[in-house]
Structure formats: structure tokens, C-alpha cells
N, C-alpha and C. Protein backbone atom coordinates (compact mmCIF):
# COMPACT_ATOMS: atom_id res chain seq x y z
N MET A 1 63.22 58.85 -64.52
CA MET A 1 63.64 59.86 -63.43
C MET A 1 62.47 60.15 -62.45
N ASN A 2 62.87 59.95 -61.19
CA ASN A 2 61.93 60.26 -60.16
C ASN A 2 61.99 61.63 -59.60
N LYS A 3 61.22 61.85 -58.47
CA LYS A 3 61.19 63.34 -58.03
C LYS A 3 62.62 63.63 -57.48
N GLN A 4 63.25 62.69 -56.79
CA GLN A 4 64.58 63.10 -56.17
C GLN A 4 65.60 63.16 -57.30
N ASP A 5 65.57 62.54 -58.45
CA ASP A 5 66.44 62.63 -59.43
C ASP A 5 66.26 64.03 -60.07
N LEU A 6 65.02 64.54 -60.18
CA LEU A 6 64.61 65.84 -60.74
C LEU A 6 65.22 66.97 -59.80
N VAL A 7 65.07 66.62 -58.52
CA VAL A 7 65.52 67.76 -57.53
C VAL A 7 67.04 67.72 -57.84
N ASN A 8 67.88 66.73 -57.76
CA ASN A 8 69.25 66.71 -58.01
C ASN A 8 69.58 67.32 -59.32
N HIS A 9 68.81 67.19 -60.49
CA HIS A 9 69.17 67.85 -61.70
C HIS A 9 68.90 69.35 -61.71
N VAL A 10 67.92 69.85 -61.03
CA VAL A 10 67.69 71.27 -60.80
C VAL A 10 68.71 71.86 -59.90
N VAL A 11 69.19 71.05 -58.91
CA VAL A 11 70.37 71.64 -57.98
C VAL A 11 71.60 71.95 -58.86
N LYS A 12 72.05 70.86 -59.73
CA LYS A 12 73.11 70.87 -60.45
C LYS A 12 73.02 72.00 -61.39
N ALA A 13 71.77 72.30 -62.00
CA ALA A 13 71.65 73.10 -63.12
C ALA A 13 71.64 74.65 -62.55
N THR A 14 71.05 74.78 -61.31
CA THR A 14 71.03 76.15 -60.80
C THR A 14 71.99 76.57 -59.64
N GLY A 15 72.45 75.62 -58.98
CA GLY A 15 73.24 75.81 -57.93
C GLY A 15 72.48 76.18 -56.52
N LEU A 16 71.20 76.13 -56.63
CA LEU A 16 70.38 76.50 -55.45
C LEU A 16 70.49 75.33 -54.31
N PRO A 17 70.24 75.59 -53.20
CA PRO A 17 70.20 74.55 -52.16
C PRO A 17 69.16 73.40 -52.42
N LYS A 18 69.58 72.19 -52.12
CA LYS A 18 68.69 71.01 -52.33
C LYS A 18 67.38 71.16 -51.55
N ARG A 19 67.42 71.62 -50.26
CA ARG A 19 66.19 71.76 -49.59
C ARG A 19 65.26 72.82 -50.37
N GLN A 20 65.80 73.88 -50.76
CA GLN A 20 64.94 74.95 -51.45
C GLN A 20 64.34 74.28 -52.72
N VAL A 21 65.18 73.69 -53.55
CA VAL A 21 64.71 73.03 -54.76
C VAL A 21 63.47 72.06 -54.50
N GLY A 22 63.76 71.22 -53.48
CA GLY A 22 62.67 70.23 -53.09
C GLY A 22 61.43 70.80 -52.60
N SER A 23 61.55 71.98 -51.94
CA SER A 23 60.29 72.62 -51.46
C SER A 23 59.54 73.24 -52.68
N ALA A 24 60.39 73.89 -53.56
CA ALA A 24 59.70 74.52 -54.78
C ALA A 24 59.06 73.51 -55.51
N LEU A 25 59.65 72.36 -55.75
CA LEU A 25 59.13 71.27 -56.52
C LEU A 25 57.81 70.72 -56.00
N SER A 26 57.89 70.49 -54.66
CA SER A 26 56.72 70.09 -53.86
C SER A 26 55.60 71.12 -54.05
N ALA A 27 55.84 72.34 -53.91
CA ALA A 27 54.77 73.35 -54.01
C ALA A 27 54.25 73.45 -55.34
N MET A 28 55.09 73.16 -56.33
CA MET A 28 54.63 73.07 -57.73
C MET A 28 53.67 72.10 -57.96
N ILE A 29 54.06 70.92 -57.53
CA ILE A 29 53.11 69.61 -57.68
C ILE A 29 51.78 69.82 -56.76
N ASP A 30 51.89 70.50 -55.66
CA ASP A 30 50.76 70.70 -54.85
C ASP A 30 49.82 71.67 -55.58
N GLY A 31 50.34 72.68 -56.17
CA GLY A 31 49.57 73.71 -56.90
C GLY A 31 48.87 73.17 -58.13
N ILE A 32 49.59 72.20 -58.79
CA ILE A 32 48.97 71.61 -60.00
C ILE A 32 47.90 70.65 -59.46
N THR A 33 48.07 69.92 -58.45
CA THR A 33 47.10 68.99 -57.83
C THR A 33 45.82 69.65 -57.43
N LYS A 34 45.95 70.88 -56.67
CA LYS A 34 44.90 71.61 -56.26
C LYS A 34 44.01 72.21 -57.31
N THR A 35 44.68 72.66 -58.39
CA THR A 35 44.20 73.32 -59.58
C THR A 35 43.23 72.25 -60.28
N LEU A 36 43.80 70.98 -60.43
CA LEU A 36 43.09 69.90 -61.06
C LEU A 36 41.82 69.48 -60.39
N LYS A 37 41.90 69.35 -58.88
CA LYS A 37 40.87 69.09 -58.11
C LYS A 37 39.68 69.97 -58.35
N LYS A 38 39.90 71.28 -58.69
CA LYS A 38 38.96 72.31 -58.84
C LYS A 38 38.35 72.07 -60.23
N GLY A 39 39.00 71.20 -61.09
CA GLY A 39 38.35 71.05 -62.37
C GLY A 39 38.98 71.98 -63.48
N GLU A 40 40.07 72.64 -62.93
CA GLU A 40 40.61 73.78 -63.92
C GLU A 40 41.86 73.17 -64.57
N ARG A 41 42.39 73.84 -65.71
CA ARG A 41 43.59 73.33 -66.45
C ARG A 41 44.86 74.08 -65.92
N VAL A 42 45.87 73.43 -66.09
CA VAL A 42 47.26 74.11 -65.91
C VAL A 42 47.86 74.04 -67.07
N THR A 43 48.37 75.26 -67.74
CA THR A 43 49.04 75.26 -68.99
C THR A 43 50.41 75.74 -68.75
N LEU A 44 51.44 75.02 -69.06
CA LEU A 44 52.93 75.59 -69.18
C LEU A 44 53.21 75.66 -70.62
N VAL A 45 53.25 76.85 -71.15
CA VAL A 45 53.53 77.08 -72.48
C VAL A 45 54.91 76.48 -72.85
N GLY A 46 54.88 75.75 -73.93
CA GLY A 46 56.01 75.01 -74.47
C GLY A 46 56.27 73.72 -73.78
N PHE A 47 55.57 73.32 -72.74
CA PHE A 47 55.67 72.11 -72.03
C PHE A 47 54.48 71.22 -72.24
N GLY A 48 53.43 71.79 -71.78
CA GLY A 48 52.22 70.99 -71.95
C GLY A 48 51.10 71.44 -71.05
N THR A 49 49.96 70.85 -71.18
CA THR A 49 48.55 71.00 -70.35
C THR A 49 48.17 69.93 -69.55
N PHE A 50 47.86 70.07 -68.24
CA PHE A 50 47.31 69.20 -67.40
C PHE A 50 45.81 69.53 -67.40
N SER A 51 44.96 68.45 -67.46
CA SER A 51 43.52 68.88 -67.38
C SER A 51 42.87 67.63 -66.77
N VAL A 52 41.60 67.66 -66.53
CA VAL A 52 40.79 66.69 -65.96
C VAL A 52 39.74 66.34 -67.05
N LYS A 53 39.69 64.98 -67.33
CA LYS A 53 38.60 64.43 -68.25
C LYS A 53 37.84 63.54 -67.57
N LYS A 54 36.51 63.56 -68.11
CA LYS A 54 35.54 62.49 -67.49
C LYS A 54 35.46 61.38 -68.52
N ARG A 55 35.46 60.24 -67.66
CA ARG A 55 35.25 58.80 -68.55
C ARG A 55 33.99 58.45 -68.13
N LYS A 56 33.15 58.00 -69.29
CA LYS A 56 31.87 57.47 -69.12
C LYS A 56 31.91 56.05 -68.43
N ALA A 57 30.80 55.67 -67.98
CA ALA A 57 30.60 54.32 -67.36
C ALA A 57 30.67 53.32 -68.61
N ARG A 58 31.32 52.23 -68.44
CA ARG A 58 31.37 51.26 -69.61
C ARG A 58 31.28 49.88 -69.05
N LYS A 59 31.18 49.01 -69.98
CA LYS A 59 31.14 47.53 -69.52
C LYS A 59 32.68 47.06 -69.85
N GLY A 60 33.11 46.15 -68.82
CA GLY A 60 34.38 45.50 -69.18
C GLY A 60 34.16 44.03 -68.91
N ARG A 61 35.30 43.29 -68.88
CA ARG A 61 35.25 41.84 -68.62
C ARG A 61 36.24 41.50 -67.63
N ASN A 62 35.91 40.68 -66.63
CA ASN A 62 36.70 40.10 -65.59
C ASN A 62 37.75 39.10 -66.34
N PRO A 63 39.05 39.43 -66.35
CA PRO A 63 39.83 38.53 -67.12
C PRO A 63 39.95 37.14 -66.51
N GLN A 64 39.69 36.90 -65.28
CA GLN A 64 39.66 35.54 -64.62
C GLN A 64 38.45 34.75 -64.95
N THR A 65 37.34 35.33 -64.94
CA THR A 65 36.10 34.48 -65.12
C THR A 65 35.50 34.72 -66.53
N GLY A 66 35.78 35.94 -67.19
CA GLY A 66 35.24 36.25 -68.41
C GLY A 66 33.83 36.82 -68.18
N GLU A 67 33.47 37.03 -66.98
CA GLU A 67 32.10 37.60 -66.71
C GLU A 67 32.07 39.21 -67.09
N THR A 68 30.99 39.69 -67.66
CA THR A 68 30.84 41.08 -67.94
C THR A 68 30.60 41.69 -66.67
N ILE A 69 31.40 43.00 -66.48
CA ILE A 69 31.30 43.76 -65.22
C ILE A 69 30.96 45.22 -65.67
N LYS A 70 30.43 46.02 -64.79
CA LYS A 70 30.29 47.39 -65.05
C LYS A 70 31.37 48.19 -64.49
N ILE A 71 31.84 49.12 -65.20
CA ILE A 71 32.98 49.96 -64.75
C ILE A 71 32.37 51.34 -64.53
N GLY A 72 32.43 51.98 -63.46
CA GLY A 72 31.65 53.20 -63.23
C GLY A 72 32.34 54.47 -63.99
N ALA A 73 31.64 55.46 -63.96
CA ALA A 73 32.16 56.73 -64.52
C ALA A 73 33.19 57.39 -63.55
N LYS A 74 34.21 58.06 -63.96
CA LYS A 74 35.23 58.71 -63.25
C LYS A 74 35.89 59.86 -63.85
N LYS A 75 36.53 60.53 -63.03
CA LYS A 75 37.37 61.65 -63.69
C LYS A 75 38.96 61.22 -63.56
N VAL A 76 39.62 61.47 -64.51
CA VAL A 76 41.05 61.16 -64.68
C VAL A 76 41.83 62.29 -65.03
N ALA A 77 43.06 62.32 -64.50
CA ALA A 77 44.12 63.43 -64.79
C ALA A 77 44.61 63.18 -66.13
N SER A 78 44.76 64.07 -67.06
CA SER A 78 45.30 64.01 -68.40
C SER A 78 46.40 65.04 -68.53
N PHE A 79 47.33 64.60 -69.53
CA PHE A 79 48.41 65.63 -69.89
C PHE A 79 48.48 65.65 -71.49
N LYS A 80 48.62 66.64 -72.02
CA LYS A 80 48.91 66.85 -73.35
C LYS A 80 50.12 67.65 -73.59
N ALA A 81 51.15 67.03 -74.44
CA ALA A 81 52.43 67.71 -74.51
C ALA A 81 52.23 68.97 -75.32
N GLY A 82 53.09 69.93 -75.07
CA GLY A 82 52.99 71.21 -75.82
C GLY A 82 53.92 71.01 -77.01
N GLN A 83 53.91 72.08 -77.78
CA GLN A 83 54.61 71.86 -79.14
C GLN A 83 56.14 71.86 -78.88
N GLY A 84 56.72 72.55 -77.86
CA GLY A 84 58.14 72.52 -77.57
C GLY A 84 58.56 71.21 -77.06
N LEU A 85 57.81 70.50 -76.21
CA LEU A 85 58.18 69.17 -75.65
C LEU A 85 57.94 68.16 -76.83
N ALA A 86 56.98 68.31 -77.47
CA ALA A 86 56.74 67.28 -78.70
C ALA A 86 57.80 67.29 -79.65
N LYS A 87 58.37 68.46 -79.93
CA LYS A 87 59.51 68.59 -80.96
C LYS A 87 60.72 68.05 -80.34
N ALA A 88 60.96 68.29 -79.02
CA ALA A 88 62.14 67.89 -78.30
C ALA A 88 62.28 66.34 -78.27
N VAL A 89 61.09 65.74 -78.15
CA VAL A 89 61.00 64.30 -77.85
C VAL A 89 61.12 63.56 -79.28
N LYS A 90 60.53 64.29 -80.27
CA LYS A 90 60.52 63.75 -81.71
C LYS A 90 62.04 63.54 -82.16
């Protein structure tokens, strides 16, 4: 399911106009992104938690040459499913 499929699903479920649902979904994604940029967490009870984790620098291997390379430290977005979502998928 992509963003457009999700918008269509919400339109069918709620009867709201497609433009309004699209704007709301974009605003939600923008809000989550801005919060994560600040290093804060976003928790949607029953669904899950979005957070930022730090990856340490490490050594890797170039698959073409086999040469050892250095992979720098970075921050990555993370998602942990909530209890409700985990049960639904199970």
C-alpha cells in the first residue's frame, strides 16, 4: 500500500473528500518528520512508536573488491510496533 492507496482507503472509510484526506495525511507525515528531526519520539498508542536511533561507526566490506571500508556513524529512523498492531499482525 502506498500513500495514494491509504488516502483512498480513508476516503472510503470516512466519506471525507479526497483532497481533505490527502492534506491531513501529508500534515501527519510532516509532523512526524519534524518531531523526529528534533530527536523526539512520536507515540501512537496501540499502533507504535517512531524514534531516532544512533548507529555507531563500524567497519564494512566492499562487495566488489573485498576491501575493508569505514562506515560512518549516523542517525536512523526507527519504528517499534505497539501491542495492538503486533497482535493484529500476529
